[in-house]
Amino acid sequence: MDAKVFDMKDIDIAWCPGCGNFPILKTLKRTLAELQIKPTDVVLVSGIGQAAKIPHYFKTNVFNGLHGRALPAATAIKAANPALTVIAESGDGDMYGEGGNHFIHTIRRNPNITNIVHDNMVYGLTKGQASPTSQKGFVTPVQVSGVFLEPFNPLAVAIALNASFVARAFAGDIERTADILKQAIEHKGYALVDIFQPCVTFNRLNSIQWFKEHTYNLEDHDPSDRQKAFEKATETEKLPLGVFYKSPQKPPFEENTGIYEEKQTPLYERYLDKKELGNLLETFKIQL
């Protein structure tokens, strides 16, 4: 399949020249094409932000929701139609900041979705204040004396919660990023892919060169070793890239709900019997 099937025609892309979102957009289209997943079988779900604009530039099904609320919508979409490939994608501010509580509980629910986070360590849409993953000392127009908070570590949190699949990539390395995305999309269960993405306008500290000098690729790492994966996730001198952890196979959220025990018909195709629904609701009334 040609990746061009996902291209939108005659559109203006509202990213700065050189933005790390461009290679992520290109890599995701390429990955889905190589996996032979048709545009009609994909749903991209995002919140608010520069990274969250990717669905606007993608010819497929799209749900663009509220700030920090991509993950519950993605969970519901997958539960309503398990045949779809559901990808929730947004920036580090949207997913880990406003959406931090949803991030934690989505890991616990384990829906069969892929969660791509564009991690540029800054809020780009709102002109450069610190994000949850900004490093200590990072100076912004808001944090004029530098960030003093400990950066949020999404990989360590995910592994601590026994997430189904945890990985990190670098937008500048398209080949490795594509390979990681393939593994994540084909994995059954919640899959987190945190992608380092340089912001060339509002984050001059964590530049393309900085990421090249401060990252390395995981080699000879066993992703089934949770303790070792956690140790790797907490490294700070140089940041590892690759698949950190794959948990032992466990049923995804949509299978645990019991919706599909008796029949596999997706929810959106099922007939709604309003009388039966009314009777069910009556059983939940509190007797006063």
C-alpha atoms as a PDB file:
ATOM      1  CA  MET A   1       0.000   0.000   0.000  1.00  0.00           C
ATOM      2  CA  ASP A   2       1.258   3.483  -0.870  1.00  0.00           C
ATOM      3  CA  ALA A   3       1.496   5.868   2.101  1.00  0.00           C
ATOM      4  CA  LYS A   4      -0.016   8.573  -0.122  1.00  0.00           C
ATOM      5  CA  VAL A   5      -3.467   7.068   0.506  1.00  0.00           C
ATOM      6  CA  PHE A   6      -3.340   8.923   3.833  1.00  0.00           C
ATOM      7  CA  ASP A   7      -2.432  12.299   2.282  1.00  0.00           C
ATOM      8  CA  MET A   8      -4.795  15.258   2.452  1.00  0.00           C
ATOM      9  CA  LYS A   9      -4.766  17.483  -0.626  1.00  0.00           C
ATOM     10  CA  ASP A  10      -4.371  21.275  -0.728  1.00  0.00           C
ATOM     11  CA  ILE A  11      -4.005  21.903   3.000  1.00  0.00           C
ATOM     12  CA  ASP A  12      -1.960  24.362   5.028  1.00  0.00           C
ATOM     13  CA  ILE A  13       0.107  22.717   7.758  1.00  0.00           C
ATOM     14  CA  ALA A  14       0.360  24.986  10.784  1.00  0.00           C
ATOM     15  CA  TRP A  15       3.781  23.856  12.010  1.00  0.00           C
ATOM     16  CA  CYS A  16       7.054  25.750  11.944  1.00  0.00           C
ATOM     17  CA  PRO A  17       9.588  24.746   9.265  1.00  0.00           C
ATOM     18  CA  GLY A  18      11.826  22.059  10.765  1.00  0.00           C
ATOM     19  CA  CYS A  19       9.274  20.988  13.386  1.00  0.00           C
ATOM     20  CA  GLY A  20       9.719  17.434  14.659  1.00  0.00           C
ATOM     21  CA  ASN A  21       6.030  16.781  14.007  1.00  0.00           C
ATOM     22  CA  PHE A  22       6.703  16.481  10.270  1.00  0.00           C
ATOM     23  CA  PRO A  23       8.757  13.258  10.472  1.00  0.00           C
ATOM     24  CA  ILE A  24       6.250  11.750  12.915  1.00  0.00           C
ATOM     25  CA  LEU A  25       3.436  12.450  10.451  1.00  0.00           C
ATOM     26  CA  LYS A  26       5.474  10.894   7.642  1.00  0.00           C
ATOM     27  CA  THR A  27       6.529   7.881   9.712  1.00  0.00           C
ATOM     28  CA  LEU A  28       3.004   7.093  10.932  1.00  0.00           C
ATOM     29  CA  LYS A  29       1.628   7.177   7.379  1.00  0.00           C
ATOM     30  CA  ARG A  30       4.447   4.926   6.213  1.00  0.00           C
ATOM     31  CA  THR A  31       3.928   2.493   9.104  1.00  0.00           C
ATOM     32  CA  LEU A  32       0.199   2.086   8.532  1.00  0.00           C
ATOM     33  CA  ALA A  33       0.784   1.610   4.792  1.00  0.00           C
ATOM     34  CA  GLU A  34       3.420  -1.068   5.394  1.00  0.00           C
ATOM     35  CA  LEU A  35       1.036  -2.842   7.759  1.00  0.00           C
ATOM     36  CA  GLN A  36      -1.608  -2.733   4.986  1.00  0.00           C
ATOM     37  CA  ILE A  37      -4.100  -0.976   7.265  1.00  0.00           C
ATOM     38  CA  LYS A  38      -6.607   0.934   5.149  1.00  0.00           C
ATOM     39  CA  PRO A  39      -7.620   4.531   5.987  1.00  0.00           C
ATOM     40  CA  THR A  40     -11.190   3.345   6.602  1.00  0.00           C
ATOM     41  CA  ASP A  41      -9.958   0.969   9.318  1.00  0.00           C
ATOM     42  CA  VAL A  42      -8.040   3.582  11.330  1.00  0.00           C
ATOM     43  CA  VAL A  43      -9.212   6.142  13.877  1.00  0.00           C
ATOM     44  CA  LEU A  44      -6.829   8.871  15.045  1.00  0.00           C
ATOM     45  CA  VAL A  45      -7.844  10.416  18.365  1.00  0.00           C
ATOM     46  CA  SER A  46      -6.216  13.569  19.707  1.00  0.00           C
ATOM     47  CA  GLY A  47      -6.690  16.365  22.201  1.00  0.00           C
ATOM     48  CA  ILE A  48      -5.416  19.939  21.867  1.00  0.00           C
ATOM     49  CA  GLY A  49      -1.964  21.146  20.801  1.00  0.00           C
ATOM     50  CA  GLN A  50       0.434  21.269  17.885  1.00  0.00           C
ATOM     51  CA  ALA A  51       0.961  17.497  17.979  1.00  0.00           C
ATOM     52  CA  ALA A  52      -2.800  17.013  18.247  1.00  0.00           C
ATOM     53  CA  LYS A  53      -3.175  18.560  14.783  1.00  0.00           C
ATOM     54  CA  ILE A  54      -1.797  15.432  13.088  1.00  0.00           C
ATOM     55  CA  PRO A  55      -5.315  14.041  12.470  1.00  0.00           C
ATOM     56  CA  HIS A  56      -6.090  17.237  10.520  1.00  0.00           C
ATOM     57  CA  TYR A  57      -3.374  16.254   8.045  1.00  0.00           C
ATOM     58  CA  PHE A  58      -4.329  12.588   7.780  1.00  0.00           C
ATOM     59  CA  LYS A  59      -6.946  11.101   5.440  1.00  0.00           C
ATOM     60  CA  THR A  60      -8.656   8.699   7.806  1.00  0.00           C
ATOM     61  CA  ASN A  61     -11.286   8.633  10.564  1.00  0.00           C
ATOM     62  CA  VAL A  62     -10.661  11.297  13.199  1.00  0.00           C
ATOM     63  CA  PHE A  63     -11.876  12.246  16.661  1.00  0.00           C
ATOM     64  CA  ASN A  64     -10.403  15.557  17.866  1.00  0.00           C
ATOM     65  CA  GLY A  65     -11.511  16.076  21.448  1.00  0.00           C
ATOM     66  CA  LEU A  66     -10.933  18.237  24.494  1.00  0.00           C
ATOM     67  CA  HIS A  67      -7.579  19.112  26.039  1.00  0.00           C
ATOM     68  CA  GLY A  68      -6.151  16.015  27.738  1.00  0.00           C
ATOM     69  CA  ARG A  69      -9.162  13.835  26.905  1.00  0.00           C
ATOM     70  CA  ALA A  70      -7.954  11.732  23.960  1.00  0.00           C
ATOM     71  CA  LEU A  71      -7.471   8.473  25.859  1.00  0.00           C
ATOM     72  CA  PRO A  72     -11.004   7.913  27.253  1.00  0.00           C
ATOM     73  CA  ALA A  73     -12.449   8.636  23.801  1.00  0.00           C
ATOM     74  CA  ALA A  74      -9.986   6.202  22.198  1.00  0.00           C
ATOM     75  CA  THR A  75     -10.876   3.550  24.783  1.00  0.00           C
ATOM     76  CA  ALA A  76     -14.593   3.940  24.034  1.00  0.00           C
ATOM     77  CA  ILE A  77     -14.081   3.857  20.254  1.00  0.00           C
ATOM     78  CA  LYS A  78     -12.123   0.603  20.495  1.00  0.00           C
ATOM     79  CA  ALA A  79     -14.765  -0.909  22.784  1.00  0.00           C
ATOM     80  CA  ALA A  80     -17.543   0.077  20.367  1.00  0.00           C
ATOM     81  CA  ASN A  81     -15.750  -1.378  17.332  1.00  0.00           C
ATOM     82  CA  PRO A  82     -12.785  -3.675  18.150  1.00  0.00           C
ATOM     83  CA  ALA A  83     -12.032  -4.168  14.442  1.00  0.00           C
ATOM     84  CA  LEU A  84     -10.659  -0.632  14.178  1.00  0.00           C
ATOM     85  CA  THR A  85      -6.999   0.306  14.634  1.00  0.00           C
ATOM     86  CA  VAL A  86      -7.254   3.070  17.235  1.00  0.00           C
ATOM     87  CA  ILE A  87      -4.344   5.457  17.754  1.00  0.00           C
ATOM     88  CA  ALA A  88      -4.446   8.164  20.413  1.00  0.00           C
ATOM     89  CA  GLU A  89      -1.803  10.803  19.732  1.00  0.00           C
ATOM     90  CA  SER A  90      -0.980  14.189  21.215  1.00  0.00           C
ATOM     91  CA  GLY A  91       1.835  16.108  22.877  1.00  0.00           C
ATOM     92  CA  ASP A  92       3.468  15.643  26.259  1.00  0.00           C
ATOM     93  CA  GLY A  93       1.487  18.547  27.715  1.00  0.00           C
ATOM     94  CA  ASP A  94      -1.833  17.187  26.506  1.00  0.00           C
ATOM     95  CA  MET A  95      -1.209  13.539  27.447  1.00  0.00           C
ATOM     96  CA  TYR A  96       0.841  13.867  30.627  1.00  0.00           C
ATOM     97  CA  GLY A  97      -0.329  17.262  31.914  1.00  0.00           C
ATOM     98  CA  GLU A  98      -4.033  17.884  31.342  1.00  0.00           C
ATOM     99  CA  GLY A  99      -4.501  14.192  30.577  1.00  0.00           C
ATOM    100  CA  GLY A 100      -2.268  12.758  33.300  1.00  0.00           C
ATOM    101  CA  ASN A 101      -5.100  11.109  35.233  1.00  0.00           C
ATOM    102  CA  HIS A 102      -6.453   9.520  32.053  1.00  0.00           C
ATOM    103  CA  PHE A 103      -2.942   8.333  31.179  1.00  0.00           C
ATOM    104  CA  ILE A 104      -2.672   6.469  34.489  1.00  0.00           C
ATOM    105  CA  HIS A 105      -6.099   4.845  34.354  1.00  0.00           C
ATOM    106  CA  THR A 106      -5.866   3.936  30.673  1.00  0.00           C
ATOM    107  CA  ILE A 107      -2.763   1.925  31.537  1.00  0.00           C
ATOM    108  CA  ARG A 108      -4.777   0.154  34.231  1.00  0.00           C
ATOM    109  CA  ARG A 109      -7.691  -0.568  31.859  1.00  0.00           C
ATOM    110  CA  ASN A 110      -5.394  -1.818  29.088  1.00  0.00           C
ATOM    111  CA  PRO A 111      -7.491  -1.093  25.982  1.00  0.00           C
ATOM    112  CA  ASN A 112      -6.063  -2.432  22.733  1.00  0.00           C
ATOM    113  CA  ILE A 113      -4.924   0.989  21.469  1.00  0.00           C
ATOM    114  CA  THR A 114      -1.638   2.666  20.565  1.00  0.00           C
ATOM    115  CA  ASN A 115      -0.766   5.853  22.463  1.00  0.00           C
ATOM    116  CA  ILE A 116       1.748   8.047  20.610  1.00  0.00           C
ATOM    117  CA  VAL A 117       3.085  11.027  22.542  1.00  0.00           C
ATOM    118  CA  HIS A 118       5.086  13.768  20.812  1.00  0.00           C
ATOM    119  CA  ASP A 119       7.497  14.655  23.612  1.00  0.00           C
ATOM    120  CA  ASN A 120       9.174  18.009  22.916  1.00  0.00           C
ATOM    121  CA  MET A 121       9.466  19.010  26.586  1.00  0.00           C
ATOM    122  CA  VAL A 122       7.593  22.293  26.064  1.00  0.00           C
ATOM    123  CA  TYR A 123       4.120  23.679  25.370  1.00  0.00           C
ATOM    124  CA  GLY A 124       4.401  24.722  21.727  1.00  0.00           C
ATOM    125  CA  LEU A 125       0.812  25.765  21.000  1.00  0.00           C
ATOM    126  CA  THR A 126       0.697  28.265  23.857  1.00  0.00           C
ATOM    127  CA  LYS A 127       4.077  29.779  23.073  1.00  0.00           C
ATOM    128  CA  GLY A 128       6.684  28.066  25.148  1.00  0.00           C
ATOM    129  CA  GLN A 129       5.945  27.546  28.830  1.00  0.00           C
ATOM    130  CA  ALA A 130       7.313  24.458  30.574  1.00  0.00           C
ATOM    131  CA  SER A 131       5.521  21.135  30.086  1.00  0.00           C
ATOM    132  CA  PRO A 132       5.395  18.127  32.449  1.00  0.00           C
ATOM    133  CA  THR A 133       8.563  16.668  30.869  1.00  0.00           C
ATOM    134  CA  SER A 134      10.620  19.896  30.785  1.00  0.00           C
ATOM    135  CA  GLN A 135      13.998  19.482  32.426  1.00  0.00           C
ATOM    136  CA  LYS A 136      15.140  21.276  35.560  1.00  0.00           C
ATOM    137  CA  GLY A 137      16.698  24.656  34.812  1.00  0.00           C
ATOM    138  CA  PHE A 138      14.784  25.112  31.535  1.00  0.00           C
ATOM    139  CA  VAL A 139      14.084  28.857  31.195  1.00  0.00           C
ATOM    140  CA  THR A 140      10.850  30.008  29.555  1.00  0.00           C
ATOM    141  CA  PRO A 141       8.880  33.289  29.355  1.00  0.00           C
ATOM    142  CA  VAL A 142       6.805  31.934  32.260  1.00  0.00           C
ATOM    143  CA  GLN A 143       9.480  30.043  34.229  1.00  0.00           C
ATOM    144  CA  VAL A 144      11.913  32.984  34.068  1.00  0.00           C
ATOM    145  CA  SER A 145      14.175  31.576  36.793  1.00  0.00           C
ATOM    146  CA  GLY A 146      14.135  28.100  35.284  1.00  0.00           C
ATOM    147  CA  VAL A 147      12.045  25.003  35.969  1.00  0.00           C
ATOM    148  CA  PHE A 148      12.545  23.654  39.493  1.00  0.00           C
ATOM    149  CA  LEU A 149      10.065  20.761  39.341  1.00  0.00           C
ATOM    150  CA  GLU A 150      11.125  17.173  38.800  1.00  0.00           C
ATOM    151  CA  PRO A 151      10.254  16.174  35.223  1.00  0.00           C
ATOM    152  CA  PHE A 152       7.444  13.680  34.821  1.00  0.00           C
ATOM    153  CA  ASN A 153       8.798  10.302  33.735  1.00  0.00           C
ATOM    154  CA  PRO A 154       6.051   8.626  31.650  1.00  0.00           C
ATOM    155  CA  LEU A 155       8.012   5.457  30.922  1.00  0.00           C
ATOM    156  CA  ALA A 156       8.840   4.792  34.574  1.00  0.00           C
ATOM    157  CA  VAL A 157       5.216   5.415  35.563  1.00  0.00           C
ATOM    158  CA  ALA A 158       3.941   3.116  32.812  1.00  0.00           C
ATOM    159  CA  ILE A 159       6.310   0.299  33.747  1.00  0.00           C
ATOM    160  CA  ALA A 160       5.507   0.719  37.446  1.00  0.00           C
ATOM    161  CA  LEU A 161       1.823   0.253  36.536  1.00  0.00           C
ATOM    162  CA  ASN A 162       2.707  -2.865  34.494  1.00  0.00           C
ATOM    163  CA  ALA A 163       1.697  -1.296  31.177  1.00  0.00           C
ATOM    164  CA  SER A 164       1.309  -3.745  28.334  1.00  0.00           C
ATOM    165  CA  PHE A 165       3.921  -2.175  26.021  1.00  0.00           C
ATOM    166  CA  VAL A 166       6.327   0.709  26.699  1.00  0.00           C
ATOM    167  CA  ALA A 167       8.716   2.257  24.185  1.00  0.00           C
ATOM    168  CA  ARG A 168      10.549   5.461  23.323  1.00  0.00           C
ATOM    169  CA  ALA A 169      11.714   6.714  19.918  1.00  0.00           C
ATOM    170  CA  PHE A 170      13.334   9.775  18.321  1.00  0.00           C
ATOM    171  CA  ALA A 171      11.519  11.562  15.498  1.00  0.00           C
ATOM    172  CA  GLY A 172      14.799  12.123  13.675  1.00  0.00           C
ATOM    173  CA  ASP A 173      15.374   8.368  13.261  1.00  0.00           C
ATOM    174  CA  ILE A 174      12.547   7.375  10.931  1.00  0.00           C
ATOM    175  CA  GLU A 175      13.651   3.757  10.449  1.00  0.00           C
ATOM    176  CA  ARG A 176      13.786   2.884  14.144  1.00  0.00           C
ATOM    177  CA  THR A 177      10.650   4.882  14.899  1.00  0.00           C
ATOM    178  CA  ALA A 178       8.747   3.042  12.158  1.00  0.00           C
ATOM    179  CA  ASP A 179       9.882  -0.307  13.557  1.00  0.00           C
ATOM    180  CA  ILE A 180       8.767   0.626  17.079  1.00  0.00           C
ATOM    181  CA  LEU A 181       5.407   1.911  15.832  1.00  0.00           C
ATOM    182  CA  LYS A 182       4.820  -1.350  13.948  1.00  0.00           C
ATOM    183  CA  GLN A 183       5.455  -3.353  17.093  1.00  0.00           C
ATOM    184  CA  ALA A 184       3.157  -1.088  19.105  1.00  0.00           C
ATOM    185  CA  ILE A 185       0.272  -1.202  16.633  1.00  0.00           C
ATOM    186  CA  GLU A 186       0.508  -4.989  16.250  1.00  0.00           C
ATOM    187  CA  HIS A 187       0.718  -5.493  20.030  1.00  0.00           C
ATOM    188  CA  LYS A 188      -2.514  -6.588  21.706  1.00  0.00           C
ATOM    189  CA  GLY A 189      -3.161  -4.219  24.591  1.00  0.00           C
ATOM    190  CA  TYR A 190      -2.248  -0.671  25.577  1.00  0.00           C
ATOM    191  CA  ALA A 191       0.985   0.433  23.877  1.00  0.00           C
ATOM    192  CA  LEU A 192       2.805   3.647  24.826  1.00  0.00           C
ATOM    193  CA  VAL A 193       5.291   5.145  22.359  1.00  0.00           C
ATOM    194  CA  ASP A 194       6.904   8.317  23.687  1.00  0.00           C
ATOM    195  CA  ILE A 195       8.632  10.067  20.749  1.00  0.00           C
ATOM    196  CA  PHE A 196      11.266  12.726  21.352  1.00  0.00           C
ATOM    197  CA  GLN A 197      10.311  15.533  18.982  1.00  0.00           C
ATOM    198  CA  PRO A 198      12.413  18.722  18.755  1.00  0.00           C
ATOM    199  CA  CYS A 199      10.528  22.028  18.931  1.00  0.00           C
ATOM    200  CA  VAL A 200      12.686  24.349  16.840  1.00  0.00           C
ATOM    201  CA  THR A 201      10.921  27.552  17.945  1.00  0.00           C
ATOM    202  CA  PHE A 202      10.200  27.370  21.672  1.00  0.00           C
ATOM    203  CA  ASN A 203      12.745  24.859  22.964  1.00  0.00           C
ATOM    204  CA  ARG A 204      16.276  25.771  21.951  1.00  0.00           C
ATOM    205  CA  LEU A 205      17.733  23.625  24.747  1.00  0.00           C
ATOM    206  CA  ASN A 206      16.484  20.198  23.607  1.00  0.00           C
ATOM    207  CA  SER A 207      17.480  20.608  19.966  1.00  0.00           C
ATOM    208  CA  ILE A 208      17.979  17.932  17.319  1.00  0.00           C
ATOM    209  CA  GLN A 209      21.678  17.901  18.179  1.00  0.00           C
ATOM    210  CA  TRP A 210      20.903  17.662  21.904  1.00  0.00           C
ATOM    211  CA  PHE A 211      18.745  14.580  21.364  1.00  0.00           C
ATOM    212  CA  LYS A 212      21.447  12.964  19.226  1.00  0.00           C
ATOM    213  CA  GLU A 213      24.055  13.563  21.943  1.00  0.00           C
ATOM    214  CA  HIS A 214      21.868  12.600  24.915  1.00  0.00           C
ATOM    215  CA  THR A 215      20.217   9.408  23.650  1.00  0.00           C
ATOM    216  CA  TYR A 216      21.332   5.906  22.760  1.00  0.00           C
ATOM    217  CA  ASN A 217      19.635   2.830  21.291  1.00  0.00           C
ATOM    218  CA  LEU A 218      18.847  -0.105  23.547  1.00  0.00           C
ATOM    219  CA  GLU A 219      20.852  -3.148  22.496  1.00  0.00           C
ATOM    220  CA  ASP A 220      20.617  -6.688  23.888  1.00  0.00           C
ATOM    221  CA  HIS A 221      17.789  -5.627  26.175  1.00  0.00           C
ATOM    222  CA  ASP A 222      15.154  -8.145  27.266  1.00  0.00           C
ATOM    223  CA  PRO A 223      11.785  -6.304  27.252  1.00  0.00           C
ATOM    224  CA  SER A 224      10.239  -9.010  29.435  1.00  0.00           C
ATOM    225  CA  ASP A 225      12.536  -8.020  32.326  1.00  0.00           C
ATOM    226  CA  ARG A 226      10.404  -5.475  34.145  1.00  0.00           C
ATOM    227  CA  GLN A 227      13.003  -4.550  36.767  1.00  0.00           C
ATOM    228  CA  LYS A 228      15.672  -3.913  34.143  1.00  0.00           C
ATOM    229  CA  ALA A 229      13.167  -1.966  32.052  1.00  0.00           C
ATOM    230  CA  PHE A 230      12.392   0.271  35.033  1.00  0.00           C
ATOM    231  CA  GLU A 231      16.094   0.857  35.638  1.00  0.00           C
ATOM    232  CA  LYS A 232      16.534   1.872  31.997  1.00  0.00           C
ATOM    233  CA  ALA A 233      13.506   4.175  32.200  1.00  0.00           C
ATOM    234  CA  THR A 234      15.051   6.067  35.136  1.00  0.00           C
ATOM    235  CA  GLU A 235      18.401   6.746  33.468  1.00  0.00           C
ATOM    236  CA  THR A 236      19.041  10.480  33.102  1.00  0.00           C
ATOM    237  CA  GLU A 237      22.616  10.979  31.876  1.00  0.00           C
ATOM    238  CA  LYS A 238      21.768   9.440  28.505  1.00  0.00           C
ATOM    239  CA  LEU A 239      18.207   8.523  27.582  1.00  0.00           C
ATOM    240  CA  PRO A 240      17.607   5.061  26.045  1.00  0.00           C
ATOM    241  CA  LEU A 241      15.544   4.580  22.880  1.00  0.00           C
ATOM    242  CA  GLY A 242      13.734   1.384  21.969  1.00  0.00           C
ATOM    243  CA  VAL A 243      11.202  -1.064  23.398  1.00  0.00           C
ATOM    244  CA  PHE A 244      11.627  -1.039  27.176  1.00  0.00           C
ATOM    245  CA  TYR A 245       8.930  -3.406  28.357  1.00  0.00           C
ATOM    246  CA  LYS A 246       6.315  -5.883  27.203  1.00  0.00           C
ATOM    247  CA  SER A 247       4.178  -7.303  29.984  1.00  0.00           C
ATOM    248  CA  PRO A 248       2.939 -10.900  29.986  1.00  0.00           C
ATOM    249  CA  GLN A 249      -0.127 -11.195  27.747  1.00  0.00           C
ATOM    250  CA  LYS A 250      -3.300 -10.035  29.467  1.00  0.00           C
ATOM    251  CA  PRO A 251      -6.836  -9.495  28.115  1.00  0.00           C
ATOM    252  CA  PRO A 252      -7.495  -5.951  26.850  1.00  0.00           C
ATOM    253  CA  PHE A 253     -10.241  -3.750  28.282  1.00  0.00           C
ATOM    254  CA  GLU A 254     -12.843  -4.486  25.608  1.00  0.00           C
ATOM    255  CA  GLU A 255     -12.589  -8.237  26.281  1.00  0.00           C
ATOM    256  CA  ASN A 256     -12.870  -7.769  30.042  1.00  0.00           C
ATOM    257  CA  THR A 257     -16.137  -5.813  29.806  1.00  0.00           C
ATOM    258  CA  GLY A 258     -18.137  -8.907  28.876  1.00  0.00           C
ATOM    259  CA  ILE A 259     -19.668  -7.108  25.884  1.00  0.00           C
ATOM    260  CA  TYR A 260     -18.316  -9.651  23.421  1.00  0.00           C
ATOM    261  CA  GLU A 261     -18.660 -12.879  25.400  1.00  0.00           C
ATOM    262  CA  GLU A 262     -21.853 -14.029  23.670  1.00  0.00           C
ATOM    263  CA  LYS A 263     -21.533 -12.319  20.275  1.00  0.00           C
ATOM    264  CA  GLN A 264     -18.796 -10.485  18.375  1.00  0.00           C
ATOM    265  CA  THR A 265     -21.084  -7.933  16.719  1.00  0.00           C
ATOM    266  CA  PRO A 266     -19.612  -4.471  17.387  1.00  0.00           C
ATOM    267  CA  LEU A 267     -21.720  -2.196  19.563  1.00  0.00           C
ATOM    268  CA  TYR A 268     -22.482   0.285  16.813  1.00  0.00           C
ATOM    269  CA  GLU A 269     -24.203  -2.461  14.774  1.00  0.00           C
ATOM    270  CA  ARG A 270     -26.390  -3.750  17.593  1.00  0.00           C
ATOM    271  CA  TYR A 271     -30.098  -2.918  17.793  1.00  0.00           C
ATOM    272  CA  LEU A 272     -31.042  -0.706  20.720  1.00  0.00           C
ATOM    273  CA  ASP A 273     -34.187  -1.953  22.399  1.00  0.00           C
ATOM    274  CA  LYS A 274     -35.355   1.170  24.244  1.00  0.00           C
ATOM    275  CA  LYS A 275     -37.936  -0.707  26.268  1.00  0.00           C
ATOM    276  CA  GLU A 276     -35.336  -3.182  27.501  1.00  0.00           C
ATOM    277  CA  LEU A 277     -32.987  -0.281  28.267  1.00  0.00           C
ATOM    278  CA  GLY A 278     -35.731   1.462  30.234  1.00  0.00           C
ATOM    279  CA  ASN A 279     -36.363  -1.661  32.279  1.00  0.00           C
ATOM    280  CA  LEU A 280     -32.652  -1.944  33.018  1.00  0.00           C
ATOM    281  CA  LEU A 281     -32.451   1.675  34.186  1.00  0.00           C
ATOM    282  CA  GLU A 282     -35.439   1.106  36.466  1.00  0.00           C
ATOM    283  CA  THR A 283     -33.443  -1.528  38.370  1.00  0.00           C
ATOM    284  CA  PHE A 284     -30.863   1.117  39.287  1.00  0.00           C
ATOM    285  CA  LYS A 285     -33.353   3.534  40.849  1.00  0.00           C
ATOM    286  CA  ILE A 286     -32.808   4.194  44.535  1.00  0.00           C
ATOM    287  CA  GLN A 287     -35.807   3.288  46.644  1.00  0.00           C
ATOM    288  CA  LEU A 288     -36.550   6.205  48.976  1.00  0.00           C
END
